[in-house]
Amino acid sequence: MTAKAVGSIVIPAKAGIQFLFLAALVLQAGAATFRWSSQGDYLSADPHAQNEGTNNLINDQIFERLVAYDKKLDTIPSLATAWEQTSPRTWRFTLRKGVRFHDGTPFTAEDVVYSLARAQLPSSNFKVFAAPLGKARAIDAHTVEFETPQPSPEGVFRQNIHTLRIVSKAWCEKHGVGKPQDFKTGEETYASSRANGTGPFTLVKRESEIVTILKKNPDWWGLREGTGDRRFEGNVDEIVYRPIKSNATRMAALVSGELDLVQDPSLQDIPRLRRDPAVRVIDGPENRVIFLVMDQFNDELKVSSVKGKNPLKDVRVRKAFYQAIDVEAIKSQVMRGLSVPTGAMIPAPASTFPEIEPRLLKHDPAAARKLLAEAGYPQGFEIGLLCPNDRYVNDERICTAIAGMLAKVGVKVKLSTLPRAQFFQQVDQLNITVHLYGWGGAAIDPGFTLTPVLHGRDGKGNGDFNSGRFHDPELDRLIDAIAVEIDAAKRRSMMLEAFKRVRDNVYVIPLHRQMIPWAARANVKVHHRPDNVVEGLWITVGK
């Protein structure tokens, strides 16, 4: 007698309807709803529209890439089962067979070709990563080749390919969403609130600023053939995400049992949570550096008492800002010890350079005032500072502290804070003077910061996240050379030179790497990864 597998239960082929019904009840009893929250909203269901942490996290439950990361951030197969470099500029991927999008459409190489071209369009927030992937062509239904414009180090290519979420060509064409949503203009499209991926969860509901609901995809290929970290090892069949801006409300919901996990608990509540037997605090660092961006492009700042010129173009002013900010005070008083001050613009501490970890200049308000006087501002001036109030750990409090520190050297700060959706729109529109920013995630190679964040904006994707728009031709030439350097030792030496140049010219002001403890109910099992990903596949909610 043959048998049929339903979930993890093996049912005899001749089983009666009563047995099948009981088996269904067992499966249903083991399934769970996972309810979680953080302070910011899910911004867009379009996987190429907005490169922001929470947004990527939720989209990664719905959409898949050719490769994935495991719990240790090592690359593993996903929609591709194998890949090889067939020439210095050519990569060939063998695609997984039998995969279907949520609407039932088969996944083929044409969807990969289409997804790459879509991610390279001007409205894409991922074109800086998609552009180096070059052109894709379908060899057959389950084989695709990428021809890069230039030779690329393997690690860099893999990190870029990991950013490419695959969409359905047929679905996009049917619903008129061939171009990614233009998030910075506030555009809404069919794809910004609806989704059709191949991932383990489907999007059931996206209600802006209220709730996002995902359901387990019963046809996901990982249920059939998943192994290791690309399989359901937990019991979650529904994910309910609620953005809750208020720290007090968010934490009360966790303590009362209305939530299973808070991704960004208020730091002042951590000691109390550690004493609560119904709650578990999961500690972990995040690969993310927090820094200040300064407009070094406009001839006159948008928000400043200085007229007719831009004081931030003067390195003495930028150094004065640097020395006015006390990162140790921010660590102890604002971050409650959960930050690591740094002088480097490198998110992953494992990949940094010891030579640039120490901060360039010590905190010294007297030296800052002297630098401002030398630059022609002995009485200081007024300037605008834009910050999110629901994106980074204690972001608004960090900015409030910075405003107070700058005031002590004569710089009066006009502080503006916005929710993340409006904040990123302002930044993407370059409507800034000085703003707080964070950069990081799963990618650990330092080059993943150089090209997007520290290169001059060239309209081709390079420097897309350089919202200060500083332009150093020598730095750009160095970064361009790093992007195609194959010799690992030479490349690392060049990267150190580039980061030193950024540091010495104070093009940005690094503050710290943030630590992110999660707070969960004691009966919830989750895995805290350095990219701050809450992966639905790995979650178990107990009784």
Protein backbone atom coordinates (compact mmCIF):
# COMPACT_ATOMS: atom_id res chain seq x y z
CA MET A 1 0.00 0.00 0.00
CA THR A 2 1.42 3.42 -0.95
CA ALA A 3 1.33 6.44 1.29
CA LYS A 4 0.86 10.18 0.86
CA ALA A 5 2.68 12.83 2.91
CA VAL A 6 0.57 15.67 4.30
CA GLY A 7 2.90 18.08 6.09
CA SER A 8 4.96 15.78 8.32
CA ILE A 9 2.20 13.13 8.58
CA VAL A 10 2.22 10.06 6.36
CA ILE A 11 -1.31 8.98 5.45
CA PRO A 12 -2.06 5.54 3.95
CA ALA A 13 -3.42 5.80 0.42
CA LYS A 14 -6.56 3.84 1.41
CA ALA A 15 -7.26 5.92 4.49
CA GLY A 16 -10.87 6.80 5.04
CA ILE A 17 -12.35 10.24 5.17
CA GLN A 18 -12.36 10.15 8.98
CA PHE A 19 -8.57 9.61 9.06
CA LEU A 20 -7.99 12.45 6.63
CA PHE A 21 -10.19 14.75 8.67
CA LEU A 22 -8.33 13.88 11.88
CA ALA A 23 -5.01 14.44 10.14
CA ALA A 24 -6.17 17.88 8.99
CA LEU A 25 -7.15 18.73 12.56
CA VAL A 26 -3.70 17.71 13.79
CA LEU A 27 -2.02 19.90 11.18
CA GLN A 28 -4.28 22.83 12.01
CA ALA A 29 -3.62 22.43 15.74
CA GLY A 30 0.14 22.59 15.15
CA ALA A 31 -0.07 25.73 13.02
CA ALA A 32 0.28 29.16 14.59
CA THR A 33 -0.14 32.86 13.97
CA PHE A 34 2.96 34.96 14.60
CA ARG A 35 2.21 38.53 15.64
CA TRP A 36 5.05 41.01 15.64
CA SER A 37 5.71 44.70 15.58
CA SER A 38 8.24 47.47 15.23
CA GLN A 39 7.83 51.23 15.15
CA GLY A 40 7.79 51.68 11.36
CA ASP A 41 5.45 50.60 8.60
CA TYR A 42 5.82 48.25 5.63
CA LEU A 43 6.32 50.83 2.90
CA SER A 44 5.73 49.03 -0.39
CA ALA A 45 4.95 45.56 -1.71
CA ASP A 46 6.86 46.38 -4.89
CA PRO A 47 10.17 44.55 -4.33
CA HIS A 48 12.17 46.99 -6.46
CA ALA A 49 10.71 50.24 -5.09
CA GLN A 50 12.26 50.90 -1.68
CA ASN A 51 15.49 49.53 -0.22
CA GLU A 52 14.67 49.82 3.48
CA GLY A 53 15.20 47.24 6.21
CA THR A 54 11.67 46.41 7.38
CA ASN A 55 10.36 46.70 3.85
CA ASN A 56 12.95 44.23 2.55
CA LEU A 57 12.32 41.91 5.49
CA ILE A 58 8.60 41.58 4.74
CA ASN A 59 9.09 41.39 0.97
CA ASP A 60 11.60 38.59 1.51
CA GLN A 61 8.81 36.43 2.92
CA ILE A 62 6.90 36.92 -0.36
CA PHE A 63 9.57 37.18 -3.06
CA GLU A 64 12.69 35.10 -3.54
CA ARG A 65 16.11 35.58 -5.06
CA LEU A 66 18.27 33.16 -7.00
CA VAL A 67 20.38 32.73 -3.86
CA ALA A 68 19.56 33.14 -0.19
CA TYR A 69 21.44 33.56 3.08
CA ASP A 70 21.43 30.94 5.82
CA LYS A 71 21.53 31.66 9.55
CA LYS A 72 25.25 32.42 9.35
CA LEU A 73 24.88 34.72 6.30
CA ASP A 74 26.48 32.14 4.01
CA THR A 75 25.10 31.93 0.47
CA ILE A 76 22.80 28.97 -0.24
CA PRO A 77 20.60 27.96 -3.21
CA SER A 78 17.10 29.34 -3.55
CA LEU A 79 15.45 29.80 -6.97
CA ALA A 80 18.76 28.69 -8.46
CA THR A 81 20.10 25.26 -7.59
CA ALA A 82 23.60 25.81 -8.98
CA TRP A 83 25.77 28.52 -10.53
CA GLU A 84 29.20 28.87 -12.03
CA GLN A 85 31.42 31.52 -13.54
CA THR A 86 32.06 30.45 -17.13
CA SER A 87 34.25 33.42 -18.06
CA PRO A 88 35.54 36.55 -16.30
CA ARG A 89 32.31 38.35 -17.22
CA THR A 90 29.78 35.52 -17.47
CA TRP A 91 27.81 33.67 -14.81
CA ARG A 92 25.45 30.78 -15.55
CA PHE A 93 22.61 29.81 -13.18
CA THR A 94 20.61 26.60 -13.22
CA LEU A 95 17.08 27.37 -12.07
CA ARG A 96 14.90 25.27 -9.83
CA LYS A 97 12.19 23.36 -11.68
CA GLY A 98 8.59 23.06 -10.61
CA VAL A 99 8.42 26.50 -8.96
CA ARG A 100 5.26 28.55 -9.37
CA PHE A 101 4.34 32.09 -8.52
CA HIS A 102 1.49 32.62 -6.08
CA ASP A 103 -0.98 33.01 -8.97
CA GLY A 104 0.06 29.61 -10.37
CA THR A 105 2.24 30.93 -13.19
CA PRO A 106 5.38 28.79 -13.74
CA PHE A 107 8.72 30.41 -12.86
CA THR A 108 11.15 30.45 -15.81
CA ALA A 109 14.35 32.11 -16.95
CA GLU A 110 12.30 34.82 -18.67
CA ASP A 111 11.15 36.04 -15.26
CA VAL A 112 14.78 36.43 -14.19
CA VAL A 113 15.63 38.38 -17.34
CA TYR A 114 12.57 40.60 -16.83
CA SER A 115 13.29 41.15 -13.11
CA LEU A 116 16.84 42.32 -13.76
CA ALA A 117 15.74 44.76 -16.46
CA ARG A 118 12.97 46.08 -14.18
CA ALA A 119 15.36 46.53 -11.24
CA GLN A 120 17.66 48.60 -13.46
CA LEU A 121 14.97 51.16 -14.38
CA PRO A 122 15.26 54.74 -13.06
CA SER A 123 12.48 54.40 -10.45
CA SER A 124 14.10 51.33 -8.91
CA ASN A 125 15.77 51.82 -5.54
CA PHE A 126 17.98 48.82 -6.32
CA LYS A 127 19.57 49.88 -9.60
CA VAL A 128 22.94 50.49 -7.93
CA PHE A 129 23.06 46.73 -7.25
CA ALA A 130 21.30 45.64 -10.44
CA ALA A 131 23.42 47.68 -12.86
CA PRO A 132 26.68 45.75 -12.17
CA LEU A 133 24.85 42.52 -12.99
CA GLY A 134 24.76 43.65 -16.61
CA LYS A 135 22.42 41.79 -18.95
CA ALA A 136 20.63 38.50 -18.42
CA ARG A 137 19.62 36.13 -21.20
CA ALA A 138 17.58 32.96 -21.08
CA ILE A 139 19.49 29.95 -22.43
CA ASP A 140 16.44 27.74 -21.95
CA ALA A 141 13.48 27.69 -19.57
CA HIS A 142 15.65 26.80 -16.58
CA THR A 143 19.05 28.27 -17.44
CA VAL A 144 20.00 31.93 -17.39
CA GLU A 145 23.29 33.72 -18.00
CA PHE A 146 24.43 37.07 -16.66
CA GLU A 147 26.99 39.02 -18.65
CA THR A 148 28.51 41.73 -16.48
CA PRO A 149 29.90 44.96 -17.97
CA GLN A 150 33.28 44.23 -16.35
CA PRO A 151 34.90 41.38 -14.45
CA SER A 152 33.64 41.31 -10.88
CA PRO A 153 34.98 39.70 -7.69
CA GLU A 154 32.90 36.64 -6.87
CA GLY A 155 31.85 37.91 -3.44
CA VAL A 156 30.63 41.22 -4.87
CA PHE A 157 28.70 39.49 -7.65
CA ARG A 158 27.00 37.19 -5.15
CA GLN A 159 26.03 40.13 -2.93
CA ASN A 160 24.56 42.00 -5.89
CA ILE A 161 22.64 38.96 -7.12
CA HIS A 162 21.24 38.54 -3.63
CA THR A 163 19.47 41.92 -3.90
CA LEU A 164 17.55 40.89 -7.04
CA ARG A 165 14.05 39.79 -6.05
CA ILE A 166 12.27 37.90 -8.82
CA VAL A 167 8.89 39.06 -10.09
CA SER A 168 6.50 37.47 -12.57
CA LYS A 169 6.82 38.96 -16.04
CA ALA A 170 3.27 37.90 -16.94
CA TRP A 171 1.77 39.38 -13.77
CA CYS A 172 3.60 42.70 -14.11
CA GLU A 173 2.59 43.08 -17.74
CA LYS A 174 -1.01 42.10 -17.00
CA HIS A 175 -1.36 44.75 -14.28
CA GLY A 176 0.65 47.53 -15.92
CA VAL A 177 3.51 47.58 -13.43
CA GLY A 178 6.46 47.08 -15.76
CA LYS A 179 8.22 49.95 -13.97
CA PRO A 180 8.88 49.90 -10.23
CA GLN A 181 6.78 52.21 -8.10
CA ASP A 182 8.40 55.65 -7.85
CA PHE A 183 8.38 55.75 -4.07
CA LYS A 184 10.08 59.13 -3.67
CA THR A 185 7.17 60.92 -5.39
CA GLY A 186 4.51 59.13 -3.35
CA GLU A 187 3.26 57.18 -6.36
CA GLU A 188 0.87 54.28 -5.65
CA THR A 189 0.61 51.41 -8.13
CA TYR A 190 -1.05 48.02 -8.37
CA ALA A 191 2.23 46.48 -7.18
CA SER A 192 2.68 48.74 -4.16
CA SER A 193 -0.15 47.03 -2.28
CA ARG A 194 -0.37 43.64 -4.03
CA ALA A 195 2.29 41.03 -4.61
CA ASN A 196 2.93 37.88 -6.61
CA GLY A 197 6.13 36.13 -5.62
CA THR A 198 7.33 32.56 -5.30
CA GLY A 199 8.12 32.74 -1.59
CA PRO A 200 6.93 30.79 1.44
CA PHE A 201 4.26 33.37 2.32
CA THR A 202 1.63 35.21 0.28
CA LEU A 203 0.49 38.77 0.85
CA VAL A 204 -3.11 38.74 2.05
CA LYS A 205 -3.48 42.34 3.20
CA ARG A 206 -1.48 45.53 3.29
CA GLU A 207 -3.24 48.37 5.08
CA SER A 208 -0.86 51.29 5.36
CA GLU A 209 0.10 52.24 8.94
CA ILE A 210 -2.32 49.61 10.33
CA VAL A 211 -1.57 45.99 9.48
CA THR A 212 0.08 43.63 7.00
CA ILE A 213 -1.02 39.99 6.90
CA LEU A 214 0.83 37.11 5.24
CA LYS A 215 -0.33 33.50 4.85
CA LYS A 216 1.75 30.36 4.41
CA ASN A 217 2.02 29.37 0.75
CA PRO A 218 0.86 25.73 0.54
CA ASP A 219 2.46 25.36 -2.90
CA TRP A 220 5.89 26.68 -1.95
CA TRP A 221 8.64 24.52 -3.42
CA GLY A 222 10.39 24.40 -0.03
CA LEU A 223 7.56 22.31 1.41
CA ARG A 224 8.34 19.75 -1.25
CA GLU A 225 12.11 19.82 -1.47
CA GLY A 226 13.49 22.38 0.96
CA THR A 227 16.57 21.53 2.97
CA GLY A 228 18.57 23.21 5.71
CA ASP A 229 17.57 26.83 6.21
CA ARG A 230 15.33 26.92 3.11
CA ARG A 231 12.51 24.94 4.68
CA PHE A 232 9.79 25.42 7.27
CA GLU A 233 11.42 24.44 10.54
CA GLY A 234 8.80 26.30 12.58
CA ASN A 235 5.02 26.15 12.77
CA VAL A 236 3.92 29.58 11.53
CA ASP A 237 1.18 29.64 8.91
CA GLU A 238 0.14 33.28 9.35
CA ILE A 239 2.20 36.41 10.01
CA VAL A 240 0.50 39.56 11.28
CA TYR A 241 2.67 42.67 11.33
CA ARG A 242 1.45 45.81 13.07
CA PRO A 243 3.47 49.04 13.04
CA ILE A 244 3.14 50.64 16.50
CA LYS A 245 4.94 53.94 16.81
CA SER A 246 4.53 54.42 20.57
CA ASN A 247 7.16 52.61 22.60
CA ALA A 248 4.83 52.32 25.59
CA THR A 249 1.99 50.86 23.52
CA ARG A 250 4.29 48.44 21.69
CA MET A 251 5.85 47.14 24.88
CA ALA A 252 2.51 46.87 26.69
CA ALA A 253 1.17 44.75 23.83
CA LEU A 254 4.12 42.38 24.18
CA VAL A 255 3.87 42.06 27.95
CA SER A 256 0.10 41.45 27.78
CA GLY A 257 0.56 38.71 25.17
CA GLU A 258 -1.07 40.60 22.26
CA LEU A 259 2.25 40.43 20.41
CA ASP A 260 4.72 37.58 20.08
CA LEU A 261 7.77 39.70 19.25
CA VAL A 262 8.90 43.31 19.24
CA GLN A 263 11.85 43.83 16.93
CA ASP A 264 12.87 47.16 18.43
CA PRO A 265 12.04 47.24 22.15
CA SER A 266 12.66 50.55 23.88
CA LEU A 267 16.11 50.35 25.42
CA GLN A 268 14.98 51.71 28.78
CA ASP A 269 12.59 48.76 29.09
CA ILE A 270 15.22 46.06 28.52
CA PRO A 271 16.21 45.59 32.21
CA ARG A 272 12.56 45.20 33.21
CA LEU A 273 11.89 42.77 30.37
CA ARG A 274 14.83 40.61 31.42
CA ARG A 275 13.15 40.15 34.80
CA ASP A 276 9.78 39.14 33.30
CA PRO A 277 9.50 35.31 33.11
CA ALA A 278 6.90 35.59 30.34
CA VAL A 279 9.30 37.51 28.09
CA ARG A 280 12.66 36.61 26.59
CA VAL A 281 15.24 39.17 25.41
CA ILE A 282 17.29 37.96 22.45
CA ASP A 283 20.53 39.92 22.22
CA GLY A 284 22.42 40.50 19.01
CA PRO A 285 24.47 43.05 17.09
CA GLU A 286 23.34 44.42 13.76
CA ASN A 287 25.52 45.01 10.72
CA ARG A 288 24.54 48.67 10.53
CA VAL A 289 26.46 51.91 10.90
CA ILE A 290 24.59 55.08 11.90
CA PHE A 291 25.98 58.35 10.55
CA LEU A 292 25.27 61.95 9.60
CA VAL A 293 24.95 63.07 5.98
CA MET A 294 25.72 66.68 5.05
CA ASP A 295 24.71 68.52 1.88
CA GLN A 296 27.96 69.34 0.09
CA PHE A 297 26.36 69.99 -3.30
CA ASN A 298 24.09 73.02 -3.16
CA ASP A 299 25.69 76.46 -3.25
CA GLU A 300 23.25 77.53 -0.52
CA LEU A 301 21.79 75.18 2.06
CA LYS A 302 18.04 74.62 2.13
CA VAL A 303 17.78 75.26 5.86
CA SER A 304 20.46 77.61 7.18
CA SER A 305 20.98 81.18 8.38
CA VAL A 306 24.02 81.39 6.08
CA LYS A 307 23.00 82.87 2.75
CA GLY A 308 24.86 82.90 -0.53
CA LYS A 309 27.17 80.01 0.31
CA ASN A 310 27.26 76.53 1.76
CA PRO A 311 29.35 76.23 4.96
CA LEU A 312 29.30 72.43 4.74
CA LYS A 313 31.56 72.56 1.68
CA ASP A 314 34.33 73.67 4.05
CA VAL A 315 36.07 70.68 5.65
CA ARG A 316 36.79 72.81 8.73
CA VAL A 317 33.05 73.11 9.39
CA ARG A 318 32.54 69.38 8.89
CA LYS A 319 35.41 68.66 11.29
CA ALA A 320 33.88 71.09 13.79
CA PHE A 321 30.61 69.15 13.68
CA TYR A 322 32.58 65.94 14.13
CA GLN A 323 34.39 67.23 17.24
CA ALA A 324 31.24 68.75 18.72
CA ILE A 325 29.48 65.36 18.85
CA ASP A 326 30.18 63.18 21.87
CA VAL A 327 29.53 59.61 20.70
CA GLU A 328 30.40 58.17 24.11
CA ALA A 329 27.66 60.27 25.70
CA ILE A 330 25.24 59.07 23.03
CA LYS A 331 26.27 55.49 23.85
CA SER A 332 25.79 55.82 27.60
CA GLN A 333 22.86 58.25 27.85
CA VAL A 334 20.83 57.63 24.70
CA MET A 335 21.67 54.07 23.65
CA ARG A 336 21.92 52.65 27.20
CA GLY A 337 25.24 51.06 26.28
CA LEU A 338 23.79 49.28 23.22
CA SER A 339 25.97 50.91 20.59
CA VAL A 340 29.59 50.65 19.51
CA PRO A 341 31.11 54.03 18.53
CA THR A 342 33.16 53.85 15.34
CA GLY A 343 35.17 56.02 13.01
CA ALA A 344 34.59 53.66 10.07
CA MET A 345 31.81 53.66 7.50
CA ILE A 346 31.72 49.85 7.45
CA PRO A 347 28.58 48.12 8.80
CA ALA A 348 30.02 44.67 9.60
CA PRO A 349 32.69 44.75 12.33
CA ALA A 350 34.14 41.50 11.01
CA SER A 351 35.05 43.23 7.73
CA THR A 352 36.41 46.52 8.97
CA PHE A 353 39.97 47.87 9.02
CA PRO A 354 41.68 48.38 12.40
CA GLU A 355 43.41 51.47 10.99
CA ILE A 356 40.14 53.40 10.66
CA GLU A 357 38.08 52.07 13.57
CA PRO A 358 39.35 54.77 15.97
CA ARG A 359 37.54 58.03 15.40
CA LEU A 360 39.42 60.61 13.36
CA LEU A 361 39.00 63.43 15.89
CA LYS A 362 38.33 63.37 19.61
CA HIS A 363 35.31 65.06 21.12
CA ASP A 364 36.54 68.60 21.80
CA PRO A 365 34.02 71.49 21.82
CA ALA A 366 36.79 74.09 22.19
CA ALA A 367 38.54 72.75 19.08
CA ALA A 368 35.19 72.74 17.26
CA ARG A 369 34.57 76.42 18.09
CA LYS A 370 38.08 77.27 16.91
CA LEU A 371 37.51 75.49 13.59
CA LEU A 372 34.22 77.33 13.07
CA ALA A 373 35.97 80.66 13.74
CA GLU A 374 38.73 79.80 11.28
CA ALA A 375 36.06 79.01 8.68
CA GLY A 376 34.49 82.45 9.21
CA TYR A 377 31.71 81.55 11.66
CA PRO A 378 32.91 82.72 15.11
CA GLN A 379 29.29 83.13 16.24
CA GLY A 380 28.16 79.90 14.63
CA PHE A 381 25.00 79.72 12.49
CA GLU A 382 21.64 77.99 12.22
CA ILE A 383 21.20 74.76 10.27
CA GLY A 384 18.53 72.14 9.62
CA LEU A 385 18.72 68.52 10.80
CA LEU A 386 16.25 65.94 9.46
CA CYS A 387 15.74 62.64 11.30
CA PRO A 388 13.39 59.67 11.20
CA ASN A 389 11.47 58.98 14.39
CA ASP A 390 10.68 55.31 13.75
CA ARG A 391 13.55 53.75 11.80
CA TYR A 392 16.78 53.36 13.78
CA VAL A 393 17.24 52.58 17.46
CA ASN A 394 16.42 55.78 19.39
CA ASP A 395 16.85 57.82 16.22
CA GLU A 396 14.92 60.89 17.38
CA ARG A 397 16.72 60.89 20.73
CA ILE A 398 20.08 60.66 18.98
CA CYS A 399 19.24 63.72 16.91
CA THR A 400 17.98 65.63 19.93
CA ALA A 401 21.27 64.90 21.68
CA ILE A 402 23.28 65.98 18.62
CA ALA A 403 21.30 69.23 18.44
CA GLY A 404 22.25 69.97 22.05
CA MET A 405 25.92 69.19 21.43
CA LEU A 406 26.10 71.41 18.36
CA ALA A 407 24.39 74.23 20.28
CA LYS A 408 27.33 74.20 22.72
CA VAL A 409 29.68 75.25 19.90
CA GLY A 410 27.34 77.92 18.53
CA VAL A 411 25.45 75.93 15.90
CA LYS A 412 21.72 76.28 16.42
CA VAL A 413 19.91 73.25 15.02
CA LYS A 414 16.43 73.37 13.56
CA LEU A 415 15.39 69.76 14.15
CA SER A 416 12.69 68.10 12.04
CA THR A 417 11.55 64.51 12.60
CA LEU A 418 9.35 62.41 10.32
CA PRO A 419 7.99 58.86 10.12
CA ARG A 420 10.13 56.65 7.93
CA ALA A 421 7.90 56.81 4.84
CA GLN A 422 8.00 60.61 4.69
CA PHE A 423 11.62 60.72 5.83
CA PHE A 424 12.88 58.49 3.01
CA GLN A 425 10.82 60.42 0.47
CA GLN A 426 12.54 63.64 1.57
CA VAL A 427 15.96 61.99 1.41
CA ASP A 428 15.28 60.39 -1.98
CA GLN A 429 14.14 63.79 -3.29
CA LEU A 430 17.42 65.25 -1.89
CA ASN A 431 15.38 67.72 0.14
CA ILE A 432 17.91 67.75 2.97
CA THR A 433 20.56 69.87 4.70
CA VAL A 434 21.89 67.44 7.32
CA HIS A 435 20.21 64.13 8.11
CA LEU A 436 20.68 60.97 10.12
CA TYR A 437 21.13 57.78 8.12
CA GLY A 438 21.90 54.11 8.58
CA TRP A 439 23.50 51.59 6.22
CA GLY A 440 23.93 47.86 6.52
CA GLY A 441 22.22 44.49 6.26
CA ALA A 442 23.31 41.05 5.18
CA ALA A 443 26.12 42.14 2.86
CA ILE A 444 29.43 42.22 4.72
CA ASP A 445 31.89 43.26 1.98
CA PRO A 446 33.06 46.88 2.55
CA GLY A 447 32.60 47.57 -1.17
CA PHE A 448 28.87 47.31 -0.58
CA THR A 449 29.14 50.69 1.15
CA LEU A 450 31.64 52.33 -1.18
CA THR A 451 29.70 52.20 -4.45
CA PRO A 452 26.14 53.00 -3.26
CA VAL A 453 26.87 55.45 -0.43
CA LEU A 454 30.30 57.06 -0.96
CA HIS A 455 30.65 57.27 -4.75
CA GLY A 456 29.53 60.45 -6.49
CA ARG A 457 26.02 60.27 -7.96
CA ASP A 458 26.40 59.54 -11.68
CA GLY A 459 22.83 58.74 -12.77
CA LYS A 460 23.80 55.13 -13.48
CA GLY A 461 23.18 53.83 -9.98
CA ASN A 462 26.58 54.64 -8.47
CA GLY A 463 26.11 56.92 -5.47
CA ASP A 464 22.33 56.52 -5.42
CA PHE A 465 22.46 56.65 -1.60
CA ASN A 466 24.96 59.53 -1.47
CA SER A 467 22.31 62.05 -0.48
CA GLY A 468 24.94 64.57 0.60
CA ARG A 469 26.08 64.58 -3.05
CA PHE A 470 29.75 65.13 -2.27
CA HIS A 471 31.86 64.49 -5.34
CA ASP A 472 35.52 63.53 -5.15
CA PRO A 473 36.77 62.47 -8.61
CA GLU A 474 39.82 60.74 -7.17
CA LEU A 475 37.65 58.78 -4.72
CA ASP A 476 35.30 57.82 -7.56
CA ARG A 477 38.19 56.53 -9.67
CA LEU A 478 39.41 54.47 -6.74
CA ILE A 479 35.95 53.01 -6.04
CA ASP A 480 35.47 52.18 -9.73
CA ALA A 481 38.80 50.34 -9.73
CA ILE A 482 37.88 48.44 -6.57
CA ALA A 483 34.67 47.22 -8.21
CA VAL A 484 36.64 45.28 -10.86
CA GLU A 485 39.78 44.31 -8.93
CA ILE A 486 40.04 40.52 -8.70
CA ASP A 487 43.19 40.28 -6.57
CA ALA A 488 41.82 40.07 -3.01
CA ALA A 489 44.88 41.54 -1.23
CA LYS A 490 45.21 44.42 -3.68
CA ARG A 491 41.47 45.10 -3.51
CA ARG A 492 41.51 45.24 0.29
CA SER A 493 44.44 47.67 0.23
CA MET A 494 42.55 49.89 -2.22
CA MET A 495 39.42 49.78 -0.06
CA LEU A 496 41.40 50.92 2.96
CA GLU A 497 42.76 53.84 0.94
CA ALA A 498 39.22 54.79 -0.12
CA PHE A 499 37.81 54.69 3.40
CA LYS A 500 40.76 56.72 4.69
CA ARG A 501 40.00 59.36 2.07
CA VAL A 502 36.36 59.48 3.16
CA ARG A 503 37.41 59.72 6.81
CA ASP A 504 40.08 62.40 6.34
CA ASN A 505 37.74 64.63 4.32
CA VAL A 506 34.82 64.05 6.72
CA TYR A 507 32.44 63.50 3.83
CA VAL A 508 30.10 61.87 6.37
CA ILE A 509 30.22 61.65 10.18
CA PRO A 510 30.03 58.05 11.43
CA LEU A 511 28.52 57.69 14.90
CA HIS A 512 28.15 54.05 15.92
CA ARG A 513 27.07 50.55 15.04
CA GLN A 514 23.77 49.83 16.71
CA MET A 515 22.91 46.79 18.77
CA ILE A 516 19.38 45.44 18.43
CA PRO A 517 17.96 43.22 21.14
CA TRP A 518 14.62 41.62 20.29
CA ALA A 519 11.94 40.99 22.90
CA ALA A 520 9.72 37.93 22.47
CA ARG A 521 7.23 35.96 24.45
CA ALA A 522 8.96 33.12 26.29
CA ASN A 523 7.15 30.51 24.19
CA VAL A 524 8.46 31.93 20.89
CA LYS A 525 11.56 30.54 19.21
CA VAL A 526 13.27 32.88 16.72
CA HIS A 527 16.75 33.29 15.25
CA HIS A 528 18.45 36.69 15.54
CA ARG A 529 20.69 37.27 12.50
CA PRO A 530 23.10 40.23 12.14
CA ASP A 531 21.04 41.72 9.32
CA ASN A 532 18.09 42.04 11.75
CA VAL A 533 15.89 39.71 9.71
CA VAL A 534 12.81 38.11 11.27
CA GLU A 535 12.59 34.99 9.10
CA GLY A 536 9.16 33.35 9.14
CA LEU A 537 10.59 29.95 8.18
CA TRP A 538 12.53 29.73 11.45
CA ILE A 539 9.82 30.76 13.94
CA THR A 540 7.98 28.46 16.33
CA VAL A 541 5.12 29.78 18.44
CA GLY A 542 4.34 27.49 21.37
CA LYS A 543 1.26 27.16 23.49
